Amino acid sequence: MPLLQWKDNYSVGIEAVDHEHKELIELINQLYGELMAKGEPLTASAFFGDLIKAISAHFALEERFMRDHGYDQLPQHKEDHERLLDEIFGLMDEFERDDMASREDLAARLDAWFSCHFETHDARLHKAFGPHPD
């Protein structure tokens, strides 16, 4: 079973952004599967390193889109991106201290992380730039 599932209410109505969100969820699921695999599992630093790299690239694309379209909530959205990256770094530190406790918590924290950002800041993007699927 995947760690995270795409939900229609995550959609912001901007095809490129929605596509990247879906790819991030797929990457998290793939990396998590490798992290939890028996045998030669992915290391926590590799998991979080790949995740941070992908999320940072996505945030840069999203922020460029907002800048190009004169989005008035760009400073607040960018601030939330920075907060989210800080949370991922914090989760990485927790995982390195106690990976067994963190493994149990990882799915809930990442799901909450995506849900909160998608349903608040990214929902504002949807209202400003595109229809939301019902």
C-alpha atoms as a PDB file:
ATOM      1  CA  MET A   1       0.000   0.000   0.000  1.00  0.00           C
ATOM      2  CA  PRO A   2       1.405   3.434  -0.892  1.00  0.00           C
ATOM      3  CA  LEU A   3       2.403   5.850   1.822  1.00  0.00           C
ATOM      4  CA  LEU A   4       0.427   8.733   0.274  1.00  0.00           C
ATOM      5  CA  GLN A   5      -2.573   8.807  -2.074  1.00  0.00           C
ATOM      6  CA  TRP A   6      -3.473  11.609  -4.505  1.00  0.00           C
ATOM      7  CA  LYS A   7      -6.811  13.209  -3.622  1.00  0.00           C
ATOM      8  CA  ASP A   8      -8.845  15.338  -6.019  1.00  0.00           C
ATOM      9  CA  ASN A   9      -9.083  18.105  -3.443  1.00  0.00           C
ATOM     10  CA  TYR A  10      -5.284  18.485  -3.774  1.00  0.00           C
ATOM     11  CA  SER A  11      -5.773  19.815  -7.311  1.00  0.00           C
ATOM     12  CA  VAL A  12      -5.041  23.508  -7.820  1.00  0.00           C
ATOM     13  CA  GLY A  13      -6.459  23.554 -11.353  1.00  0.00           C
ATOM     14  CA  ILE A  14      -3.058  24.242 -12.929  1.00  0.00           C
ATOM     15  CA  GLU A  15      -2.079  21.167 -14.914  1.00  0.00           C
ATOM     16  CA  ALA A  16       1.711  21.549 -14.544  1.00  0.00           C
ATOM     17  CA  VAL A  17       1.480  22.106 -10.787  1.00  0.00           C
ATOM     18  CA  ASP A  18      -0.980  19.240 -10.283  1.00  0.00           C
ATOM     19  CA  HIS A  19       1.289  16.990 -12.348  1.00  0.00           C
ATOM     20  CA  GLU A  20       4.270  17.886 -10.169  1.00  0.00           C
ATOM     21  CA  HIS A  21       2.256  17.303  -6.996  1.00  0.00           C
ATOM     22  CA  LYS A  22       1.326  13.836  -8.276  1.00  0.00           C
ATOM     23  CA  GLU A  23       4.967  13.151  -9.159  1.00  0.00           C
ATOM     24  CA  LEU A  24       6.058  14.203  -5.663  1.00  0.00           C
ATOM     25  CA  ILE A  25       3.565  11.787  -4.132  1.00  0.00           C
ATOM     26  CA  GLU A  26       4.800   9.014  -6.444  1.00  0.00           C
ATOM     27  CA  LEU A  27       8.414   9.809  -5.517  1.00  0.00           C
ATOM     28  CA  ILE A  28       7.611   9.714  -1.817  1.00  0.00           C
ATOM     29  CA  ASN A  29       5.874   6.365  -2.271  1.00  0.00           C
ATOM     30  CA  GLN A  30       8.784   4.968  -4.268  1.00  0.00           C
ATOM     31  CA  LEU A  31      11.407   6.229  -1.827  1.00  0.00           C
ATOM     32  CA  TYR A  32       9.390   5.018   1.151  1.00  0.00           C
ATOM     33  CA  GLY A  33       9.114   1.574  -0.424  1.00  0.00           C
ATOM     34  CA  GLU A  34      12.883   1.500  -0.859  1.00  0.00           C
ATOM     35  CA  LEU A  35      13.408   2.776   2.681  1.00  0.00           C
ATOM     36  CA  MET A  36      11.236   0.022   4.115  1.00  0.00           C
ATOM     37  CA  ALA A  37      12.512  -2.737   1.786  1.00  0.00           C
ATOM     38  CA  LYS A  38      14.136  -5.774   3.177  1.00  0.00           C
ATOM     39  CA  GLY A  39      17.673  -6.448   2.037  1.00  0.00           C
ATOM     40  CA  GLU A  40      19.325  -3.310   0.722  1.00  0.00           C
ATOM     41  CA  PRO A  41      16.972  -0.539   1.851  1.00  0.00           C
ATOM     42  CA  LEU A  42      17.479   3.078   0.943  1.00  0.00           C
ATOM     43  CA  THR A  43      19.204   5.030   3.699  1.00  0.00           C
ATOM     44  CA  ALA A  44      17.268   7.730   5.517  1.00  0.00           C
ATOM     45  CA  SER A  45      19.694  10.390   4.269  1.00  0.00           C
ATOM     46  CA  ALA A  46      19.160   9.249   0.661  1.00  0.00           C
ATOM     47  CA  PHE A  47      15.363   9.204   1.167  1.00  0.00           C
ATOM     48  CA  PHE A  48      15.248  12.698   2.597  1.00  0.00           C
ATOM     49  CA  GLY A  49      17.946  14.036   0.268  1.00  0.00           C
ATOM     50  CA  ASP A  50      15.990  12.944  -2.822  1.00  0.00           C
ATOM     51  CA  LEU A  51      12.750  14.196  -1.305  1.00  0.00           C
ATOM     52  CA  ILE A  52      14.172  17.615  -0.419  1.00  0.00           C
ATOM     53  CA  LYS A  53      15.711  17.980  -3.879  1.00  0.00           C
ATOM     54  CA  ALA A  54      12.394  17.174  -5.611  1.00  0.00           C
ATOM     55  CA  ILE A  55      10.338  19.391  -3.308  1.00  0.00           C
ATOM     56  CA  SER A  56      12.760  22.317  -3.678  1.00  0.00           C
ATOM     57  CA  ALA A  57      12.575  22.052  -7.485  1.00  0.00           C
ATOM     58  CA  HIS A  58       8.778  21.941  -7.330  1.00  0.00           C
ATOM     59  CA  PHE A  59       8.617  24.958  -5.034  1.00  0.00           C
ATOM     60  CA  ALA A  60      10.865  26.907  -7.432  1.00  0.00           C
ATOM     61  CA  LEU A  61       8.510  26.098 -10.346  1.00  0.00           C
ATOM     62  CA  GLU A  62       5.445  27.039  -8.342  1.00  0.00           C
ATOM     63  CA  GLU A  63       7.000  30.300  -7.131  1.00  0.00           C
ATOM     64  CA  ARG A  64       8.057  31.225 -10.686  1.00  0.00           C
ATOM     65  CA  PHE A  65       4.481  30.580 -11.854  1.00  0.00           C
ATOM     66  CA  MET A  66       3.122  32.835  -9.096  1.00  0.00           C
ATOM     67  CA  ARG A  67       5.676  35.554  -9.881  1.00  0.00           C
ATOM     68  CA  ASP A  68       4.932  35.385 -13.627  1.00  0.00           C
ATOM     69  CA  HIS A  69       1.207  35.749 -12.952  1.00  0.00           C
ATOM     70  CA  GLY A  70       1.494  38.493 -10.335  1.00  0.00           C
ATOM     71  CA  TYR A  71       0.017  36.341  -7.583  1.00  0.00           C
ATOM     72  CA  ASP A  72      -0.624  38.607  -4.593  1.00  0.00           C
ATOM     73  CA  GLN A  73      -0.095  35.836  -2.014  1.00  0.00           C
ATOM     74  CA  LEU A  74       3.421  34.949  -3.232  1.00  0.00           C
ATOM     75  CA  PRO A  75       5.242  36.148  -0.078  1.00  0.00           C
ATOM     76  CA  GLN A  76       2.961  34.122   2.215  1.00  0.00           C
ATOM     77  CA  HIS A  77       3.105  31.076  -0.049  1.00  0.00           C
ATOM     78  CA  LYS A  78       6.896  31.284  -0.275  1.00  0.00           C
ATOM     79  CA  GLU A  79       7.076  31.563   3.515  1.00  0.00           C
ATOM     80  CA  ASP A  80       4.975  28.404   3.819  1.00  0.00           C
ATOM     81  CA  HIS A  81       7.324  26.636   1.388  1.00  0.00           C
ATOM     82  CA  GLU A  82      10.252  27.560   3.623  1.00  0.00           C
ATOM     83  CA  ARG A  83       8.366  26.344   6.698  1.00  0.00           C
ATOM     84  CA  LEU A  84       7.564  23.061   4.959  1.00  0.00           C
ATOM     85  CA  LEU A  85      11.211  22.515   4.033  1.00  0.00           C
ATOM     86  CA  ASP A  86      12.187  23.225   7.647  1.00  0.00           C
ATOM     87  CA  GLU A  87       9.674  20.589   8.752  1.00  0.00           C
ATOM     88  CA  ILE A  88      11.165  18.047   6.341  1.00  0.00           C
ATOM     89  CA  PHE A  89      14.645  18.784   7.740  1.00  0.00           C
ATOM     90  CA  GLY A  90      13.227  18.348  11.258  1.00  0.00           C
ATOM     91  CA  LEU A  91      11.628  15.056  10.271  1.00  0.00           C
ATOM     92  CA  MET A  92      14.960  13.934   8.830  1.00  0.00           C
ATOM     93  CA  ASP A  93      16.714  14.782  12.114  1.00  0.00           C
ATOM     94  CA  GLU A  94      14.074  12.866  14.100  1.00  0.00           C
ATOM     95  CA  PHE A  95      14.394   9.886  11.789  1.00  0.00           C
ATOM     96  CA  GLU A  96      18.160   9.816  12.207  1.00  0.00           C
ATOM     97  CA  ARG A  97      17.786   9.857  16.023  1.00  0.00           C
ATOM     98  CA  ASP A  98      15.118   7.132  16.231  1.00  0.00           C
ATOM     99  CA  ASP A  99      14.243   5.562  12.913  1.00  0.00           C
ATOM    100  CA  MET A 100      11.854   2.953  14.320  1.00  0.00           C
ATOM    101  CA  ALA A 101       9.593   5.525  16.001  1.00  0.00           C
ATOM    102  CA  SER A 102       9.929   7.824  13.004  1.00  0.00           C
ATOM    103  CA  ARG A 103       8.970   5.095  10.499  1.00  0.00           C
ATOM    104  CA  GLU A 104       5.605   4.719  12.240  1.00  0.00           C
ATOM    105  CA  ASP A 105       5.079   8.461  12.230  1.00  0.00           C
ATOM    106  CA  LEU A 106       6.399   9.170   8.726  1.00  0.00           C
ATOM    107  CA  ALA A 107       3.206   8.437   6.774  1.00  0.00           C
ATOM    108  CA  ALA A 108       0.995  10.519   9.042  1.00  0.00           C
ATOM    109  CA  ARG A 109       3.398  13.453   9.087  1.00  0.00           C
ATOM    110  CA  LEU A 110       3.956  13.506   5.319  1.00  0.00           C
ATOM    111  CA  ASP A 111       0.240  13.118   4.616  1.00  0.00           C
ATOM    112  CA  ALA A 112      -0.580  15.966   7.011  1.00  0.00           C
ATOM    113  CA  TRP A 113       2.224  18.017   5.480  1.00  0.00           C
ATOM    114  CA  PHE A 114       0.803  17.637   1.955  1.00  0.00           C
ATOM    115  CA  SER A 115      -2.837  17.964   2.967  1.00  0.00           C
ATOM    116  CA  CYS A 116      -2.315  21.150   4.923  1.00  0.00           C
ATOM    117  CA  HIS A 117      -0.284  22.906   2.234  1.00  0.00           C
ATOM    118  CA  PHE A 118      -2.419  21.705  -0.686  1.00  0.00           C
ATOM    119  CA  GLU A 119      -5.683  22.574   1.032  1.00  0.00           C
ATOM    120  CA  THR A 120      -4.640  26.046   2.198  1.00  0.00           C
ATOM    121  CA  HIS A 121      -1.958  27.815   0.168  1.00  0.00           C
ATOM    122  CA  ASP A 122      -2.370  25.764  -2.996  1.00  0.00           C
ATOM    123  CA  ALA A 123      -6.163  26.040  -2.750  1.00  0.00           C
ATOM    124  CA  ARG A 124      -5.735  29.826  -2.991  1.00  0.00           C
ATOM    125  CA  LEU A 125      -3.845  29.261  -6.246  1.00  0.00           C
ATOM    126  CA  HIS A 126      -6.793  27.229  -7.542  1.00  0.00           C
ATOM    127  CA  LYS A 127      -9.189  30.037  -6.706  1.00  0.00           C
ATOM    128  CA  ALA A 128      -6.973  32.573  -8.433  1.00  0.00           C
ATOM    129  CA  PHE A 129      -6.035  30.593 -11.561  1.00  0.00           C
ATOM    130  CA  GLY A 130      -8.230  27.635 -12.331  1.00  0.00           C
ATOM    131  CA  PRO A 131     -11.288  25.519 -11.751  1.00  0.00           C
ATOM    132  CA  HIS A 132     -11.269  22.789  -9.158  1.00  0.00           C
ATOM    133  CA  PRO A 133     -12.633  19.358 -10.055  1.00  0.00           C
ATOM    134  CA  ASP A 134     -15.718  18.335  -8.086  1.00  0.00           C
END
